[in-house]
Amino acid sequence: MPKNPATDTRAALLAAAREEFAELGVAGARVDRIARRAGVNKERIYGYFGSKEKLFDAVMKDALDEFAGLTALLEDDPAGYVGRVFDHYVRHPDLLRLLMWEALYDRTGELPDERWREERCRDKVTYLADHLGERPSPEIRRLVLSLLGVAMMPLAMPQLAGLMDVRTETPDDVAALRAHVVEFARAALADRSPAG
């Protein structure tokens, strides 16, 4: 099958931009560096995306699509889901950085693809409520947010982990931290289990 140069260029720009934005955020990223990394003229960024901010939005959409596809729903084991989220952040630390940069970015109005993001979050809340034999509620929404935070926090704040002497340098360190995160989630859910 012949290659599509437009698709290849767009993909190269997204990959280069993901690296640049993860490293420097929206304000620190430069279109000329992104174009250089992608091996194209910087005018291609404006042609494909319109602006640096819209390129960031496209990078976020791709990263979140990938994340949603790999982590899907909570399935039958919400604590296991927390482990899968942790695993994804270990394999893709750039997603954590992108999420943090997005939170710091001074944006007015809706987030890009906000409705899609809300639907994914609502699906998780509905699933957990069903799993626990409850109805979706503010408490269940807080619980889902907390479970996601448990998976994210130890990796998002390496300086704090270091101050507490929580190591993540070796595969054994990461495995021990993952086991702790999953067990912590399991304990948080234990009192709420329909069988408990």
N, C-alpha and C. Protein backbone atom coordinates (compact mmCIF):
# COMPACT_ATOMS: atom_id res chain seq x y z
N MET A 1 0.85 -1.17 0.00
CA MET A 1 0.00 0.00 0.00
C MET A 1 0.90 1.24 0.00
N PRO A 2 0.64 2.20 -0.89
CA PRO A 2 1.50 3.39 -0.96
C PRO A 2 1.31 4.27 0.28
N LYS A 3 2.40 4.93 0.65
CA LYS A 3 2.35 5.83 1.80
C LYS A 3 1.61 7.10 1.44
N ASN A 4 0.94 7.67 2.42
CA ASN A 4 0.26 8.95 2.25
C ASN A 4 1.13 10.02 2.90
N PRO A 5 1.78 10.89 2.08
CA PRO A 5 2.68 11.89 2.66
C PRO A 5 1.99 12.81 3.66
N ALA A 6 0.73 13.16 3.42
CA ALA A 6 0.02 14.05 4.35
C ALA A 6 -0.17 13.37 5.69
N THR A 7 -0.54 12.09 5.69
CA THR A 7 -0.72 11.34 6.93
C THR A 7 0.61 11.19 7.65
N ASP A 8 1.68 10.89 6.88
CA ASP A 8 3.00 10.75 7.48
C ASP A 8 3.46 12.06 8.11
N THR A 9 3.24 13.18 7.43
CA THR A 9 3.65 14.49 7.95
C THR A 9 2.87 14.82 9.22
N ARG A 10 1.57 14.60 9.19
CA ARG A 10 0.74 14.89 10.37
C ARG A 10 1.19 14.02 11.54
N ALA A 11 1.44 12.74 11.31
CA ALA A 11 1.88 11.84 12.37
C ALA A 11 3.24 12.27 12.91
N ALA A 12 4.15 12.68 12.04
CA ALA A 12 5.47 13.13 12.47
C ALA A 12 5.35 14.40 13.33
N LEU A 13 4.47 15.30 12.92
CA LEU A 13 4.26 16.52 13.70
C LEU A 13 3.68 16.20 15.08
N LEU A 14 2.71 15.30 15.13
CA LEU A 14 2.11 14.92 16.42
C LEU A 14 3.13 14.26 17.33
N ALA A 15 3.96 13.39 16.78
CA ALA A 15 4.98 12.72 17.60
C ALA A 15 6.01 13.73 18.12
N ALA A 16 6.46 14.61 17.26
CA ALA A 16 7.44 15.63 17.67
C ALA A 16 6.83 16.58 18.69
N ALA A 17 5.59 16.96 18.47
CA ALA A 17 4.91 17.89 19.37
C ALA A 17 4.67 17.23 20.73
N ARG A 18 4.36 15.96 20.73
CA ARG A 18 4.13 15.27 22.01
C ARG A 18 5.40 15.33 22.87
N GLU A 19 6.55 15.10 22.26
CA GLU A 19 7.81 15.19 22.99
C GLU A 19 8.05 16.60 23.50
N GLU A 20 7.86 17.58 22.62
CA GLU A 20 8.11 18.98 22.97
C GLU A 20 7.16 19.46 24.07
N PHE A 21 5.87 19.18 23.92
CA PHE A 21 4.90 19.63 24.91
C PHE A 21 5.10 18.92 26.24
N ALA A 22 5.41 17.63 26.22
CA ALA A 22 5.64 16.90 27.47
C ALA A 22 6.84 17.48 28.21
N GLU A 23 7.83 17.88 27.46
CA GLU A 23 9.05 18.42 28.06
C GLU A 23 8.87 19.86 28.55
N LEU A 24 8.17 20.69 27.76
CA LEU A 24 8.17 22.14 28.02
C LEU A 24 6.81 22.78 28.20
N GLY A 25 5.73 22.04 28.01
CA GLY A 25 4.40 22.62 28.12
C GLY A 25 4.05 23.49 26.92
N VAL A 26 2.84 24.04 26.95
CA VAL A 26 2.37 24.85 25.82
C VAL A 26 3.19 26.13 25.71
N ALA A 27 3.39 26.81 26.82
CA ALA A 27 4.09 28.10 26.78
C ALA A 27 5.55 27.93 26.37
N GLY A 28 6.20 26.88 26.83
CA GLY A 28 7.62 26.69 26.54
C GLY A 28 7.92 26.07 25.19
N ALA A 29 6.95 25.36 24.63
CA ALA A 29 7.15 24.69 23.34
C ALA A 29 7.30 25.73 22.23
N ARG A 30 8.11 25.39 21.22
CA ARG A 30 8.32 26.28 20.08
C ARG A 30 8.02 25.53 18.79
N VAL A 31 7.23 26.18 17.94
CA VAL A 31 6.85 25.53 16.68
C VAL A 31 8.06 25.24 15.81
N ASP A 32 9.09 26.09 15.84
CA ASP A 32 10.26 25.82 15.01
C ASP A 32 10.98 24.55 15.48
N ARG A 33 11.05 24.31 16.79
CA ARG A 33 11.67 23.08 17.29
C ARG A 33 10.82 21.85 16.95
N ILE A 34 9.51 21.99 17.06
CA ILE A 34 8.62 20.88 16.71
C ILE A 34 8.80 20.53 15.24
N ALA A 35 8.81 21.54 14.40
CA ALA A 35 8.99 21.31 12.95
C ALA A 35 10.34 20.65 12.67
N ARG A 36 11.38 21.12 13.34
CA ARG A 36 12.72 20.53 13.15
C ARG A 36 12.71 19.06 13.57
N ARG A 37 12.11 18.77 14.72
CA ARG A 37 12.03 17.38 15.19
C ARG A 37 11.27 16.50 14.19
N ALA A 38 10.26 17.08 13.58
CA ALA A 38 9.43 16.32 12.62
C ALA A 38 10.06 16.27 11.24
N GLY A 39 11.05 17.14 11.00
CA GLY A 39 11.70 17.17 9.69
C GLY A 39 10.87 17.86 8.62
N VAL A 40 10.06 18.84 9.03
CA VAL A 40 9.21 19.56 8.07
C VAL A 40 9.30 21.06 8.31
N ASN A 41 8.76 21.82 7.39
CA ASN A 41 8.68 23.27 7.52
C ASN A 41 7.63 23.62 8.57
N LYS A 42 7.92 24.64 9.39
CA LYS A 42 6.98 24.97 10.47
C LYS A 42 5.63 25.45 9.97
N GLU A 43 5.56 25.91 8.73
CA GLU A 43 4.27 26.31 8.17
C GLU A 43 3.30 25.14 8.08
N ARG A 44 3.84 23.92 8.05
CA ARG A 44 2.98 22.73 8.03
C ARG A 44 2.15 22.64 9.32
N ILE A 45 2.72 23.09 10.42
CA ILE A 45 1.98 23.06 11.69
C ILE A 45 0.72 23.91 11.56
N TYR A 46 0.88 25.10 11.02
CA TYR A 46 -0.28 26.00 10.87
C TYR A 46 -1.24 25.44 9.82
N GLY A 47 -0.71 24.83 8.78
CA GLY A 47 -1.57 24.25 7.74
C GLY A 47 -2.41 23.10 8.26
N TYR A 48 -1.82 22.26 9.09
CA TYR A 48 -2.54 21.09 9.61
C TYR A 48 -3.38 21.41 10.84
N PHE A 49 -2.86 22.29 11.70
CA PHE A 49 -3.50 22.47 13.01
C PHE A 49 -4.00 23.88 13.29
N GLY A 50 -3.48 24.86 12.60
CA GLY A 50 -3.96 26.23 12.77
C GLY A 50 -3.17 27.06 13.77
N SER A 51 -2.73 26.44 14.87
CA SER A 51 -1.98 27.17 15.88
C SER A 51 -1.26 26.17 16.78
N LYS A 52 -0.34 26.68 17.56
CA LYS A 52 0.38 25.84 18.52
C LYS A 52 -0.60 25.27 19.55
N GLU A 53 -1.56 26.07 19.99
CA GLU A 53 -2.53 25.62 20.97
C GLU A 53 -3.40 24.49 20.42
N LYS A 54 -3.80 24.61 19.15
CA LYS A 54 -4.62 23.54 18.55
C LYS A 54 -3.79 22.28 18.31
N LEU A 55 -2.50 22.46 18.07
CA LEU A 55 -1.61 21.29 17.97
C LEU A 55 -1.53 20.60 19.33
N PHE A 56 -1.42 21.37 20.41
CA PHE A 56 -1.42 20.78 21.75
C PHE A 56 -2.72 20.01 21.99
N ASP A 57 -3.84 20.59 21.60
CA ASP A 57 -5.13 19.91 21.76
C ASP A 57 -5.15 18.59 21.00
N ALA A 58 -4.59 18.58 19.79
CA ALA A 58 -4.55 17.34 18.99
C ALA A 58 -3.65 16.31 19.66
N VAL A 59 -2.53 16.75 20.23
CA VAL A 59 -1.64 15.84 20.95
C VAL A 59 -2.37 15.24 22.14
N MET A 60 -3.08 16.08 22.90
CA MET A 60 -3.83 15.59 24.06
C MET A 60 -4.89 14.58 23.63
N LYS A 61 -5.61 14.88 22.56
CA LYS A 61 -6.67 13.96 22.09
C LYS A 61 -6.07 12.61 21.74
N ASP A 62 -4.94 12.61 21.00
CA ASP A 62 -4.30 11.34 20.65
C ASP A 62 -3.84 10.58 21.89
N ALA A 63 -3.22 11.29 22.84
CA ALA A 63 -2.72 10.64 24.05
C ALA A 63 -3.88 10.06 24.87
N LEU A 64 -4.96 10.80 24.97
CA LEU A 64 -6.11 10.33 25.75
C LEU A 64 -6.86 9.21 25.03
N ASP A 65 -6.91 9.26 23.69
CA ASP A 65 -7.50 8.15 22.93
C ASP A 65 -6.73 6.86 23.19
N GLU A 66 -5.41 6.97 23.14
CA GLU A 66 -4.54 5.82 23.39
C GLU A 66 -4.77 5.29 24.81
N PHE A 67 -4.82 6.18 25.77
CA PHE A 67 -5.03 5.81 27.17
C PHE A 67 -6.40 5.14 27.34
N ALA A 68 -7.43 5.72 26.76
CA ALA A 68 -8.78 5.16 26.88
C ALA A 68 -8.85 3.77 26.27
N GLY A 69 -8.19 3.59 25.14
CA GLY A 69 -8.20 2.30 24.47
C GLY A 69 -7.50 1.22 25.27
N LEU A 70 -6.44 1.57 25.96
CA LEU A 70 -5.68 0.59 26.71
C LEU A 70 -6.26 0.31 28.09
N THR A 71 -6.92 1.28 28.68
CA THR A 71 -7.41 1.08 30.04
C THR A 71 -8.90 0.79 30.10
N ALA A 72 -9.63 1.12 29.04
CA ALA A 72 -11.06 0.84 28.93
C ALA A 72 -11.80 1.03 30.25
N LEU A 73 -12.68 0.09 30.57
CA LEU A 73 -13.47 0.20 31.79
C LEU A 73 -12.81 -0.53 32.95
N LEU A 74 -13.44 -0.46 34.09
CA LEU A 74 -12.88 -1.05 35.30
C LEU A 74 -13.02 -2.58 35.33
N GLU A 75 -13.74 -3.15 34.39
CA GLU A 75 -13.99 -4.59 34.30
C GLU A 75 -14.48 -5.13 35.65
N ASP A 76 -14.09 -6.36 36.00
CA ASP A 76 -14.59 -6.97 37.23
C ASP A 76 -13.73 -6.67 38.45
N ASP A 77 -12.62 -5.98 38.24
CA ASP A 77 -11.69 -5.75 39.34
C ASP A 77 -11.22 -4.29 39.33
N PRO A 78 -11.93 -3.40 40.03
CA PRO A 78 -11.53 -2.00 40.03
C PRO A 78 -10.10 -1.77 40.52
N ALA A 79 -9.63 -2.55 41.50
CA ALA A 79 -8.25 -2.39 41.97
C ALA A 79 -7.27 -2.81 40.88
N GLY A 80 -7.61 -3.84 40.12
CA GLY A 80 -6.78 -4.24 38.98
C GLY A 80 -6.73 -3.15 37.92
N TYR A 81 -7.84 -2.45 37.76
CA TYR A 81 -7.88 -1.31 36.83
C TYR A 81 -6.89 -0.24 37.26
N VAL A 82 -6.83 0.03 38.56
CA VAL A 82 -5.87 1.01 39.08
C VAL A 82 -4.45 0.56 38.72
N GLY A 83 -4.18 -0.73 38.81
CA GLY A 83 -2.88 -1.26 38.41
C GLY A 83 -2.60 -1.05 36.93
N ARG A 84 -3.61 -1.24 36.08
CA ARG A 84 -3.43 -1.02 34.64
C ARG A 84 -3.17 0.45 34.33
N VAL A 85 -3.86 1.34 35.05
CA VAL A 85 -3.61 2.77 34.87
C VAL A 85 -2.18 3.10 35.29
N PHE A 86 -1.75 2.58 36.44
CA PHE A 86 -0.38 2.77 36.90
C PHE A 86 0.61 2.28 35.84
N ASP A 87 0.37 1.08 35.31
CA ASP A 87 1.25 0.52 34.27
C ASP A 87 1.35 1.44 33.06
N HIS A 88 0.22 2.00 32.66
CA HIS A 88 0.23 2.88 31.49
C HIS A 88 1.07 4.12 31.78
N TYR A 89 0.94 4.68 32.96
CA TYR A 89 1.74 5.86 33.31
C TYR A 89 3.23 5.52 33.39
N VAL A 90 3.56 4.32 33.84
CA VAL A 90 4.97 3.90 33.87
C VAL A 90 5.52 3.83 32.45
N ARG A 91 4.73 3.24 31.54
CA ARG A 91 5.18 3.10 30.14
C ARG A 91 5.13 4.41 29.37
N HIS A 92 4.26 5.33 29.79
CA HIS A 92 4.05 6.59 29.06
C HIS A 92 4.10 7.77 30.03
N PRO A 93 5.27 8.05 30.58
CA PRO A 93 5.36 9.18 31.51
C PRO A 93 5.03 10.52 30.84
N ASP A 94 5.15 10.54 29.52
CA ASP A 94 4.79 11.78 28.82
C ASP A 94 3.31 12.11 29.00
N LEU A 95 2.45 11.11 29.14
CA LEU A 95 1.02 11.40 29.35
C LEU A 95 0.82 12.12 30.68
N LEU A 96 1.50 11.67 31.72
CA LEU A 96 1.40 12.35 33.01
C LEU A 96 1.85 13.81 32.88
N ARG A 97 2.96 14.01 32.21
CA ARG A 97 3.48 15.37 32.04
C ARG A 97 2.50 16.21 31.22
N LEU A 98 1.94 15.65 30.16
CA LEU A 98 0.97 16.39 29.34
C LEU A 98 -0.25 16.78 30.18
N LEU A 99 -0.74 15.86 30.99
CA LEU A 99 -1.90 16.17 31.84
C LEU A 99 -1.57 17.29 32.83
N MET A 100 -0.37 17.25 33.39
CA MET A 100 0.02 18.31 34.32
C MET A 100 0.18 19.64 33.61
N TRP A 101 0.79 19.63 32.42
CA TRP A 101 0.91 20.87 31.66
C TRP A 101 -0.47 21.41 31.28
N GLU A 102 -1.37 20.52 30.91
CA GLU A 102 -2.71 20.97 30.55
C GLU A 102 -3.38 21.63 31.76
N ALA A 103 -3.18 21.06 32.95
CA ALA A 103 -3.77 21.64 34.16
C ALA A 103 -3.19 23.02 34.46
N LEU A 104 -1.92 23.23 34.12
CA LEU A 104 -1.27 24.51 34.38
C LEU A 104 -1.55 25.55 33.30
N TYR A 105 -1.97 25.08 32.13
CA TYR A 105 -2.17 25.97 31.00
C TYR A 105 -3.37 26.88 31.27
N ASP A 106 -3.18 28.17 31.10
CA ASP A 106 -4.23 29.16 31.38
C ASP A 106 -5.22 29.16 30.21
N ARG A 107 -6.27 28.38 30.33
CA ARG A 107 -7.23 28.21 29.25
C ARG A 107 -8.59 28.69 29.74
N THR A 108 -9.29 29.39 28.87
CA THR A 108 -10.66 29.78 29.19
C THR A 108 -11.61 28.91 28.38
N GLY A 109 -12.78 28.69 28.91
CA GLY A 109 -13.77 27.89 28.20
C GLY A 109 -13.58 26.40 28.43
N GLU A 110 -14.18 25.62 27.54
CA GLU A 110 -14.16 24.17 27.66
C GLU A 110 -12.81 23.58 27.30
N LEU A 111 -12.54 22.41 27.86
CA LEU A 111 -11.38 21.64 27.43
C LEU A 111 -11.65 21.10 26.03
N PRO A 112 -10.62 20.84 25.26
CA PRO A 112 -10.84 20.20 23.97
C PRO A 112 -11.47 18.81 24.18
N ASP A 113 -12.41 18.49 23.36
CA ASP A 113 -13.09 17.18 23.45
C ASP A 113 -13.68 16.94 24.84
N GLU A 114 -14.15 18.01 25.45
CA GLU A 114 -14.66 17.91 26.82
C GLU A 114 -15.82 16.93 26.92
N ARG A 115 -16.73 16.93 25.98
CA ARG A 115 -17.89 16.01 26.03
C ARG A 115 -17.41 14.56 25.99
N TRP A 116 -16.45 14.28 25.10
CA TRP A 116 -15.91 12.92 24.99
C TRP A 116 -15.26 12.52 26.30
N ARG A 117 -14.50 13.43 26.90
CA ARG A 117 -13.83 13.14 28.17
C ARG A 117 -14.85 12.90 29.26
N GLU A 118 -15.90 13.72 29.30
CA GLU A 118 -16.95 13.53 30.30
C GLU A 118 -17.61 12.17 30.16
N GLU A 119 -17.85 11.74 28.92
CA GLU A 119 -18.47 10.43 28.69
C GLU A 119 -17.59 9.31 29.23
N ARG A 120 -16.28 9.39 28.98
CA ARG A 120 -15.37 8.36 29.49
C ARG A 120 -15.41 8.33 31.01
N CYS A 121 -15.41 9.49 31.64
CA CYS A 121 -15.46 9.55 33.11
C CYS A 121 -16.79 9.02 33.63
N ARG A 122 -17.88 9.40 32.96
CA ARG A 122 -19.20 8.94 33.37
C ARG A 122 -19.28 7.42 33.26
N ASP A 123 -18.69 6.84 32.21
CA ASP A 123 -18.67 5.38 32.06
C ASP A 123 -18.00 4.72 33.25
N LYS A 124 -16.88 5.28 33.70
CA LYS A 124 -16.16 4.71 34.83
C LYS A 124 -16.99 4.80 36.11
N VAL A 125 -17.65 5.93 36.32
CA VAL A 125 -18.49 6.12 37.49
C VAL A 125 -19.65 5.13 37.47
N THR A 126 -20.30 5.01 36.32
CA THR A 126 -21.43 4.09 36.19
C THR A 126 -20.99 2.65 36.43
N TYR A 127 -19.84 2.29 35.86
CA TYR A 127 -19.38 0.92 36.04
C TYR A 127 -19.08 0.64 37.51
N LEU A 128 -18.36 1.54 38.17
CA LEU A 128 -18.01 1.29 39.57
C LEU A 128 -19.26 1.23 40.43
N ALA A 129 -20.21 2.11 40.18
CA ALA A 129 -21.46 2.09 40.94
C ALA A 129 -22.16 0.74 40.75
N ASP A 130 -22.26 0.28 39.51
CA ASP A 130 -22.88 -1.03 39.23
C ASP A 130 -22.12 -2.14 39.95
N HIS A 131 -20.80 -2.10 39.87
CA HIS A 131 -19.96 -3.12 40.50
C HIS A 131 -20.19 -3.17 42.01
N LEU A 132 -20.41 -2.01 42.61
CA LEU A 132 -20.62 -1.94 44.05
C LEU A 132 -22.09 -2.10 44.45
N GLY A 133 -22.96 -2.28 43.45
CA GLY A 133 -24.39 -2.42 43.74
C GLY A 133 -25.02 -1.12 44.20
N GLU A 134 -24.48 -0.01 43.72
CA GLU A 134 -24.99 1.32 44.10
C GLU A 134 -25.40 2.09 42.85
N ARG A 135 -25.93 3.26 43.10
CA ARG A 135 -26.26 4.16 41.99
C ARG A 135 -25.13 5.19 41.85
N PRO A 136 -24.90 5.70 40.63
CA PRO A 136 -23.91 6.78 40.49
C PRO A 136 -24.28 7.93 41.43
N SER A 137 -23.28 8.49 42.06
CA SER A 137 -23.50 9.55 43.05
C SER A 137 -22.23 10.40 43.14
N PRO A 138 -22.33 11.55 43.80
CA PRO A 138 -21.11 12.34 44.02
C PRO A 138 -20.03 11.54 44.76
N GLU A 139 -20.45 10.69 45.70
CA GLU A 139 -19.48 9.89 46.43
C GLU A 139 -18.74 8.91 45.52
N ILE A 140 -19.47 8.28 44.60
CA ILE A 140 -18.84 7.35 43.65
C ILE A 140 -17.91 8.12 42.71
N ARG A 141 -18.31 9.32 42.28
CA ARG A 141 -17.44 10.13 41.43
C ARG A 141 -16.14 10.47 42.16
N ARG A 142 -16.25 10.83 43.44
CA ARG A 142 -15.04 11.12 44.23
C ARG A 142 -14.18 9.87 44.37
N LEU A 143 -14.81 8.73 44.53
CA LEU A 143 -14.07 7.48 44.67
C LEU A 143 -13.28 7.17 43.39
N VAL A 144 -13.92 7.32 42.23
CA VAL A 144 -13.22 7.08 40.96
C VAL A 144 -12.04 8.05 40.82
N LEU A 145 -12.28 9.32 41.13
CA LEU A 145 -11.20 10.31 41.05
C LEU A 145 -10.05 9.94 41.98
N SER A 146 -10.37 9.50 43.18
CA SER A 146 -9.34 9.10 44.14
C SER A 146 -8.56 7.88 43.66
N LEU A 147 -9.27 6.91 43.08
CA LEU A 147 -8.58 5.72 42.56
C LEU A 147 -7.62 6.09 41.43
N LEU A 148 -8.06 6.99 40.55
CA LEU A 148 -7.16 7.44 39.48
C LEU A 148 -5.97 8.20 40.07
N GLY A 149 -6.22 8.98 41.12
CA GLY A 149 -5.14 9.71 41.77
C GLY A 149 -4.12 8.79 42.43
N VAL A 150 -4.60 7.69 43.00
CA VAL A 150 -3.71 6.71 43.62
C VAL A 150 -2.76 6.13 42.57
N ALA A 151 -3.26 5.91 41.37
CA ALA A 151 -2.42 5.38 40.29
C ALA A 151 -1.43 6.42 39.78
N MET A 152 -1.81 7.68 39.84
CA MET A 152 -1.02 8.75 39.23
C MET A 152 0.00 9.37 40.17
N MET A 153 -0.39 9.65 41.38
CA MET A 153 0.39 10.50 42.29
C MET A 153 1.83 10.04 42.50
N PRO A 154 2.09 8.76 42.79
CA PRO A 154 3.48 8.38 43.06
C PRO A 154 4.42 8.62 41.88
N LEU A 155 3.87 8.60 40.67
CA LEU A 155 4.68 8.80 39.47
C LEU A 155 4.71 10.26 39.04
N ALA A 156 3.65 11.00 39.36
CA ALA A 156 3.56 12.40 38.95
C ALA A 156 4.45 13.30 39.79
N MET A 157 4.75 12.90 41.00
CA MET A 157 5.55 13.73 41.90
C MET A 157 6.81 12.99 42.34
N PRO A 158 7.74 12.76 41.42
CA PRO A 158 8.94 11.98 41.78
C PRO A 158 9.77 12.65 42.87
N GLN A 159 9.74 13.98 42.93
CA GLN A 159 10.52 14.66 43.96
C GLN A 159 9.96 14.34 45.34
N LEU A 160 8.64 14.27 45.48
CA LEU A 160 8.03 13.92 46.76
C LEU A 160 8.32 12.46 47.11
N ALA A 161 8.22 11.58 46.10
CA ALA A 161 8.55 10.17 46.33
C ALA A 161 10.00 10.05 46.80
N GLY A 162 10.90 10.81 46.18
CA GLY A 162 12.31 10.78 46.59
C GLY A 162 12.51 11.25 48.01
N LEU A 163 11.81 12.32 48.39
CA LEU A 163 11.92 12.82 49.76
C LEU A 163 11.45 11.80 50.78
N MET A 164 10.51 10.96 50.36
CA MET A 164 9.99 9.92 51.26
C MET A 164 10.74 8.61 51.10
N ASP A 165 11.80 8.66 50.29
CA ASP A 165 12.63 7.49 50.03
C ASP A 165 11.83 6.34 49.40
N VAL A 166 10.87 6.70 48.56
CA VAL A 166 10.13 5.72 47.76
C VAL A 166 10.84 5.66 46.41
N ARG A 167 11.50 4.56 46.15
CA ARG A 167 12.33 4.43 44.96
C ARG A 167 11.53 3.92 43.76
N THR A 168 11.92 4.40 42.59
CA THR A 168 11.32 3.92 41.33
C THR A 168 12.41 3.70 40.28
N GLU A 169 13.65 3.52 40.72
CA GLU A 169 14.77 3.39 39.77
C GLU A 169 14.85 2.02 39.12
N THR A 170 14.47 0.97 39.82
CA THR A 170 14.62 -0.39 39.27
C THR A 170 13.24 -1.00 39.00
N PRO A 171 13.20 -2.02 38.14
CA PRO A 171 11.92 -2.72 37.94
C PRO A 171 11.33 -3.27 39.23
N ASP A 172 12.18 -3.72 40.15
CA ASP A 172 11.67 -4.22 41.44
C ASP A 172 11.03 -3.10 42.26
N ASP A 173 11.63 -1.90 42.22
CA ASP A 173 11.05 -0.74 42.91
C ASP A 173 9.66 -0.44 42.36
N VAL A 174 9.56 -0.41 41.04
CA VAL A 174 8.29 -0.08 40.38
C VAL A 174 7.25 -1.16 40.68
N ALA A 175 7.68 -2.43 40.65
CA ALA A 175 6.75 -3.53 40.95
C ALA A 175 6.23 -3.43 42.38
N ALA A 176 7.10 -3.08 43.31
CA ALA A 176 6.67 -2.94 44.72
C ALA A 176 5.70 -1.78 44.87
N LEU A 177 5.97 -0.68 44.18
CA LEU A 177 5.07 0.47 44.25
C LEU A 177 3.72 0.13 43.62
N ARG A 178 3.75 -0.58 42.49
CA ARG A 178 2.49 -0.99 41.84
C ARG A 178 1.69 -1.89 42.77
N ALA A 179 2.34 -2.86 43.39
CA ALA A 179 1.63 -3.77 44.30
C ALA A 179 1.00 -2.98 45.44
N HIS A 180 1.72 -1.99 45.96
CA HIS A 180 1.18 -1.16 47.03
C HIS A 180 -0.04 -0.37 46.56
N VAL A 181 0.06 0.22 45.38
CA VAL A 181 -1.04 1.03 44.83
C VAL A 181 -2.29 0.16 44.65
N VAL A 182 -2.12 -1.03 44.09
CA VAL A 182 -3.26 -1.93 43.87
C VAL A 182 -3.86 -2.37 45.21
N GLU A 183 -3.00 -2.71 46.16
CA GLU A 183 -3.51 -3.13 47.48
C GLU A 183 -4.21 -1.98 48.19
N PHE A 184 -3.69 -0.78 48.04
CA PHE A 184 -4.31 0.40 48.64
C PHE A 184 -5.71 0.61 48.05
N ALA A 185 -5.81 0.47 46.72
CA ALA A 185 -7.11 0.60 46.06
C ALA A 185 -8.06 -0.51 46.52
N ARG A 186 -7.54 -1.73 46.63
CA ARG A 186 -8.37 -2.85 47.08
C ARG A 186 -8.90 -2.60 48.50
N ALA A 187 -8.05 -2.08 49.37
CA ALA A 187 -8.48 -1.78 50.75
C ALA A 187 -9.53 -0.67 50.76
N ALA A 188 -9.35 0.33 49.90
CA ALA A 188 -10.32 1.45 49.84
C ALA A 188 -11.69 0.95 49.37
N LEU A 189 -11.69 -0.08 48.56
CA LEU A 189 -12.93 -0.62 48.02
C LEU A 189 -13.53 -1.72 48.88
N ALA A 190 -12.74 -2.30 49.79
CA ALA A 190 -13.17 -3.49 50.52
C ALA A 190 -14.45 -3.26 51.31
N ASP A 191 -14.55 -2.15 51.99
CA ASP A 191 -15.73 -1.89 52.81
C ASP A 191 -16.97 -1.60 51.96
N ARG A 192 -16.77 -1.33 50.68
CA ARG A 192 -17.88 -0.98 49.82
C ARG A 192 -18.32 -2.15 48.95
N SER A 193 -17.61 -3.23 49.00
CA SER A 193 -17.93 -4.34 48.12
C SER A 193 -19.31 -4.90 48.44
N PRO A 194 -20.07 -5.28 47.38
CA PRO A 194 -21.43 -5.80 47.63
C PRO A 194 -21.43 -7.05 48.51
N ALA A 195 -20.32 -7.80 48.49
CA ALA A 195 -20.26 -9.00 49.32
C ALA A 195 -19.84 -8.68 50.75
N GLY A 196 -19.32 -7.43 50.98
CA GLY A 196 -18.76 -7.11 52.29
C GLY A 196 -19.74 -6.56 53.26
